[in-house]
């Protein structure tokens, strides 16, 4: 039976680790922001409506290589009319998952929206259609392609984790390449290598009494484990870094093999 870790447990573990001094090998909030907005396909677009009041609407989006949201909007939509009068806007993307939605990560990118033309539009449309293959309306005459030029970013990683990310840090960051594979890696480690996770906690996290452990998150820099001193007991969040960046599932496999070799030799 595949062990799937609920999103709220992952978020809780990462919040605990974020507040723990000395935790190393973590993605920056700029990287978390880029990863989240690239992984999510719909978001809440906020524009400035009639009378200066905020107007929120649901939109589908993609992101270009710099993390700038691409929006395919109808001329008939209220948000499009708002943008024609005032280009300032924000787009909020939220992590999918069960449990309390406020415990899940979300990112809001803020900037100005402009229509794309010519070669820029053609290149961006390819990106958009790859991310939104069901967008049959892309060829309709009243739909135009827009891009949000990001000026600042607000990242919230659930309760107790939040920060502002500046434009330069956001543009320079990369989405985590392991994100599409994380669920499979986590399930494999929990189903087939739970004993190795216990050993990692005993050897590398100064938890010699660990009796049970399960992985709850993994990224290119390391992984998070919930460890307990007895099966079913109180769990503590533990962050275990890789020795080097691991950008592919095969690199993760090799890193785990090396960690296990070192743990057994310790």
Protein backbone atom coordinates (compact mmCIF):
# COMPACT_ATOMS: atom_id res chain seq x y z
CA UNK A 1 0.00 0.00 0.00
CA UNK A 2 1.43 3.36 -1.04
CA UNK A 3 1.96 5.74 1.85
CA UNK A 4 0.79 9.25 0.90
CA UNK A 5 1.65 12.04 3.33
CA UNK A 6 -1.12 14.65 3.76
CA UNK A 7 -0.18 18.16 2.67
CA UNK A 8 -0.96 19.66 6.09
CA UNK A 9 1.59 17.32 7.71
CA UNK A 10 4.24 18.36 5.22
CA UNK A 11 3.47 22.02 5.85
CA UNK A 12 3.60 21.53 9.62
CA UNK A 13 6.99 19.84 9.38
CA UNK A 14 8.41 22.60 7.21
CA UNK A 15 7.08 25.32 9.53
CA UNK A 16 8.77 23.65 12.48
CA UNK A 17 12.04 23.36 10.58
CA UNK A 18 11.85 26.98 9.41
CA UNK A 19 11.77 28.08 13.05
CA UNK A 20 14.64 25.79 14.09
CA UNK A 21 18.08 27.45 14.37
CA UNK A 22 20.86 25.76 12.44
CA UNK A 23 18.73 24.02 9.82
CA UNK A 24 20.71 24.01 6.58
CA UNK A 25 20.16 22.87 3.04
CA UNK A 26 16.71 24.39 2.53
CA UNK A 27 15.18 26.10 -0.50
CA UNK A 28 14.92 29.87 -0.20
CA UNK A 29 11.50 31.49 -0.16
CA UNK A 30 12.27 32.79 -3.66
CA UNK A 31 12.75 29.19 -4.81
CA UNK A 32 9.61 28.07 -2.98
CA UNK A 33 7.68 30.88 -4.66
CA UNK A 34 8.93 29.93 -8.13
CA UNK A 35 8.18 26.26 -7.51
CA UNK A 36 4.64 26.88 -6.30
CA UNK A 37 3.50 29.30 -8.98
CA UNK A 38 4.90 27.02 -11.70
CA UNK A 39 3.20 23.94 -10.26
CA UNK A 40 -0.28 25.47 -9.87
CA UNK A 41 -2.41 26.06 -12.94
CA UNK A 42 -5.06 28.45 -11.62
CA UNK A 43 -4.89 31.49 -9.38
CA UNK A 44 -6.76 34.48 -8.02
CA UNK A 45 -6.17 37.59 -10.11
CA UNK A 46 -6.72 40.88 -8.29
CA UNK A 47 -7.22 44.00 -10.41
CA UNK A 48 -8.31 47.55 -9.58
CA UNK A 49 -11.98 47.86 -10.41
CA UNK A 50 -14.55 50.58 -10.68
CA UNK A 51 -14.25 53.18 -7.97
CA UNK A 52 -10.77 51.95 -7.03
CA UNK A 53 -12.08 48.85 -5.28
CA UNK A 54 -10.16 45.54 -5.53
CA UNK A 55 -11.71 43.04 -7.93
CA UNK A 56 -10.82 39.35 -7.61
CA UNK A 57 -11.34 36.72 -10.30
CA UNK A 58 -10.27 33.14 -11.05
CA UNK A 59 -7.86 32.73 -13.96
CA UNK A 60 -5.71 30.04 -15.53
CA UNK A 61 -2.03 30.85 -15.92
CA UNK A 62 1.37 29.62 -17.00
CA UNK A 63 4.79 31.05 -16.18
CA UNK A 64 7.67 31.95 -18.47
CA UNK A 65 11.33 31.05 -17.74
CA UNK A 66 11.66 34.15 -15.53
CA UNK A 67 8.65 33.17 -13.42
CA UNK A 68 6.38 35.84 -14.91
CA UNK A 69 2.72 34.73 -15.11
CA UNK A 70 1.17 34.45 -18.55
CA UNK A 71 -2.56 35.13 -18.76
CA UNK A 72 -4.94 34.48 -21.67
CA UNK A 73 -7.80 36.90 -21.07
CA UNK A 74 -11.00 37.72 -22.95
CA UNK A 75 -11.77 41.29 -23.95
CA UNK A 76 -15.22 40.73 -22.43
CA UNK A 77 -13.91 39.90 -18.95
CA UNK A 78 -14.22 42.45 -16.17
CA UNK A 79 -10.60 42.00 -15.14
CA UNK A 80 -9.44 42.79 -18.69
CA UNK A 81 -11.37 46.06 -18.68
CA UNK A 82 -9.85 46.85 -15.29
CA UNK A 83 -6.33 46.23 -16.59
CA UNK A 84 -6.92 48.50 -19.58
CA UNK A 85 -7.55 51.34 -17.12
CA UNK A 86 -4.86 50.40 -14.55
CA UNK A 87 -2.20 47.79 -15.27
CA UNK A 88 -1.40 47.13 -11.60
CA UNK A 89 -2.43 43.66 -10.45
CA UNK A 90 -1.50 40.63 -8.37
CA UNK A 91 -1.88 36.89 -8.83
CA UNK A 92 -2.15 34.49 -5.90
CA UNK A 93 -1.44 30.78 -6.35
CA UNK A 94 -2.23 28.31 -3.55
CA UNK A 95 -0.85 24.86 -2.83
CA UNK A 96 -3.39 22.07 -3.30
CA UNK A 97 -4.10 19.77 -0.39
CA UNK A 98 -6.47 18.61 2.31
CA UNK A 99 -6.85 19.95 5.82
CA UNK A 100 -6.86 23.57 6.91
CA UNK A 101 -6.24 25.68 3.77
CA UNK A 102 -4.47 28.30 5.87
CA UNK A 103 -1.81 25.69 6.68
CA UNK A 104 -0.95 25.36 2.99
CA UNK A 105 1.61 27.44 1.12
CA UNK A 106 0.60 30.33 -1.13
CA UNK A 107 2.39 32.97 -3.13
CA UNK A 108 1.23 36.36 -4.38
CA UNK A 109 3.15 38.01 -7.22
CA UNK A 110 2.61 41.74 -7.67
CA UNK A 111 3.32 43.89 -10.70
CA UNK A 112 1.96 45.39 -13.89
CA UNK A 113 0.22 43.47 -16.66
CA UNK A 114 0.91 44.16 -20.33
CA UNK A 115 -0.28 42.60 -23.58
CA UNK A 116 2.25 40.61 -25.63
CA UNK A 117 2.59 41.07 -29.39
CA UNK A 118 4.46 39.54 -32.29
CA UNK A 119 7.27 37.06 -31.64
CA UNK A 120 6.99 37.55 -27.88
CA UNK A 121 3.35 36.55 -28.02
CA UNK A 122 4.03 33.50 -30.19
CA UNK A 123 6.74 32.20 -27.84
CA UNK A 124 4.64 32.86 -24.75
CA UNK A 125 1.58 31.22 -26.31
CA UNK A 126 3.53 27.99 -26.77
CA UNK A 127 4.39 28.03 -23.07
CA UNK A 128 0.80 28.80 -22.11
CA UNK A 129 -0.70 26.04 -24.26
CA UNK A 130 1.81 23.49 -22.94
CA UNK A 131 0.69 24.33 -19.40
CA UNK A 132 -2.99 24.66 -20.32
CA UNK A 133 -3.62 22.05 -23.06
CA UNK A 134 -7.39 22.41 -22.61
CA UNK A 135 -7.39 26.11 -23.53
CA UNK A 136 -9.39 25.65 -26.75
CA UNK A 137 -10.28 29.34 -26.67
CA UNK A 138 -6.66 30.39 -27.38
CA UNK A 139 -7.56 30.94 -31.03
CA UNK A 140 -10.67 33.01 -30.38
CA UNK A 141 -10.50 36.58 -31.66
CA UNK A 142 -11.47 38.18 -28.38
CA UNK A 143 -8.71 36.52 -26.32
CA UNK A 144 -5.36 38.23 -25.87
CA UNK A 145 -2.17 37.08 -24.16
CA UNK A 146 -0.80 39.12 -21.28
CA UNK A 147 2.24 38.91 -18.99
CA UNK A 148 2.55 40.08 -15.40
CA UNK A 149 5.94 41.75 -14.89
CA UNK A 150 6.76 40.80 -11.30
CA UNK A 151 7.90 43.66 -9.05
CA UNK A 152 7.56 41.98 -5.64
CA UNK A 153 6.42 38.69 -4.14
CA UNK A 154 4.79 37.65 -0.88
CA UNK A 155 5.38 34.05 0.16
CA UNK A 156 3.43 32.36 2.96
CA UNK A 157 4.42 28.81 3.86
CA UNK A 158 1.50 28.22 6.21
CA UNK A 159 1.19 29.38 9.81
CA UNK A 160 4.32 31.13 11.05
CA UNK A 161 6.33 31.22 7.82
CA UNK A 162 6.12 34.30 5.60
CA UNK A 163 8.39 36.76 3.85
CA UNK A 164 8.67 39.34 1.10
CA UNK A 165 10.81 38.30 -1.87
CA UNK A 166 12.33 41.04 -3.99
CA UNK A 167 12.15 41.13 -7.78
CA UNK A 168 15.81 40.22 -8.37
CA UNK A 169 15.81 37.23 -5.99
CA UNK A 170 12.60 35.92 -7.56
CA UNK A 171 13.93 36.27 -11.11
CA UNK A 172 17.23 34.55 -10.25
CA UNK A 173 15.60 31.61 -8.44
CA UNK A 174 14.56 28.38 -10.13
CA UNK A 175 11.59 26.09 -9.54
CA UNK A 176 12.63 22.91 -7.74
CA UNK A 177 13.12 20.26 -10.46
CA UNK A 178 12.21 17.49 -8.00
CA UNK A 179 8.73 18.87 -7.31
CA UNK A 180 6.97 16.79 -10.02
CA UNK A 181 8.61 13.63 -8.62
CA UNK A 182 8.32 14.34 -4.89
CA UNK A 183 5.19 12.29 -4.15
CA UNK A 184 6.66 9.21 -5.82
CA UNK A 185 9.99 9.57 -4.00
CA UNK A 186 8.27 10.05 -0.64
CA UNK A 187 5.98 7.05 -1.14
CA UNK A 188 8.91 4.85 -2.20
CA UNK A 189 11.03 5.80 0.81
CA UNK A 190 8.17 5.31 3.28
CA UNK A 191 6.98 2.03 1.75
CA UNK A 192 10.33 0.39 1.05
CA UNK A 193 13.02 2.11 3.11
CA UNK A 194 11.46 3.15 6.42
CA UNK A 195 14.32 1.40 8.25
CA UNK A 196 16.83 3.62 6.43
CA UNK A 197 14.93 6.73 7.51
CA UNK A 198 15.15 5.59 11.13
CA UNK A 199 18.89 5.01 10.75
CA UNK A 200 19.38 8.46 9.18
CA UNK A 201 17.69 10.07 12.19
CA UNK A 202 19.80 8.08 14.63
CA UNK A 203 23.11 8.78 12.90
CA UNK A 204 22.71 12.25 11.38
CA UNK A 205 20.07 14.03 13.46
CA UNK A 206 21.32 13.22 16.97
CA UNK A 207 18.24 11.12 17.71
CA UNK A 208 19.68 7.75 18.85
CA UNK A 209 16.34 6.62 20.30
CA UNK A 210 14.39 7.01 17.04
CA UNK A 211 12.11 4.01 16.50
CA UNK A 212 9.91 5.25 13.65
CA UNK A 213 10.37 7.79 10.88
CA UNK A 214 8.58 8.80 7.73
CA UNK A 215 9.56 11.18 4.98
CA UNK A 216 7.15 14.09 4.45
CA UNK A 217 9.00 16.32 1.96
CA UNK A 218 11.93 16.24 -0.44
CA UNK A 219 13.60 18.85 -2.62
CA UNK A 220 16.91 19.33 -4.41
CA UNK A 221 18.70 20.25 -1.16
CA UNK A 222 17.46 17.55 1.22
CA UNK A 223 14.41 16.00 2.83
CA UNK A 224 12.18 16.33 5.87
CA UNK A 225 11.27 13.46 8.19
CA UNK A 226 8.84 13.13 11.07
CA UNK A 227 10.60 11.01 13.69
CA UNK A 228 9.29 9.37 16.89
CA UNK A 229 10.99 7.51 19.72
CA UNK A 230 8.27 4.87 19.67
CA UNK A 231 5.80 3.76 16.98
CA UNK A 232 2.74 6.00 17.16
CA UNK A 233 4.51 8.37 19.56
CA UNK A 234 4.99 12.11 19.39
CA UNK A 235 6.69 13.09 16.15
CA UNK A 236 9.45 15.65 15.74
CA UNK A 237 10.35 17.32 12.45
CA UNK A 238 13.88 16.61 11.24
CA UNK A 239 15.65 18.12 8.23
CA UNK A 240 18.38 16.05 6.59
CA UNK A 241 20.45 17.75 3.86
CA UNK A 242 21.99 16.09 0.83
CA UNK A 243 25.74 16.47 0.36
CA UNK A 244 25.09 18.24 -2.94
CA UNK A 245 22.17 19.38 -5.04
CA UNK A 246 20.07 16.55 -6.45
CA UNK A 247 18.07 17.69 -9.47
CA UNK A 248 16.75 14.32 -10.68
CA UNK A 249 15.14 11.25 -9.09
CA UNK A 250 18.22 9.23 -10.03
CA UNK A 251 20.43 11.75 -8.22
CA UNK A 252 18.19 11.36 -5.15
CA UNK A 253 18.56 7.57 -5.32
CA UNK A 254 22.35 7.88 -5.43
CA UNK A 255 22.34 10.39 -2.59
CA UNK A 256 20.22 8.06 -0.44
CA UNK A 257 22.53 5.12 -1.17
CA UNK A 258 25.51 7.22 -0.09
CA UNK A 259 23.73 8.38 3.08
CA UNK A 260 22.89 4.78 3.93
CA UNK A 261 26.50 3.70 3.37
CA UNK A 262 27.73 6.44 5.71
CA UNK A 263 25.03 5.69 8.31
CA UNK A 264 25.96 2.01 8.42
CA UNK A 265 29.64 2.83 8.68
CA UNK A 266 29.16 5.37 11.50
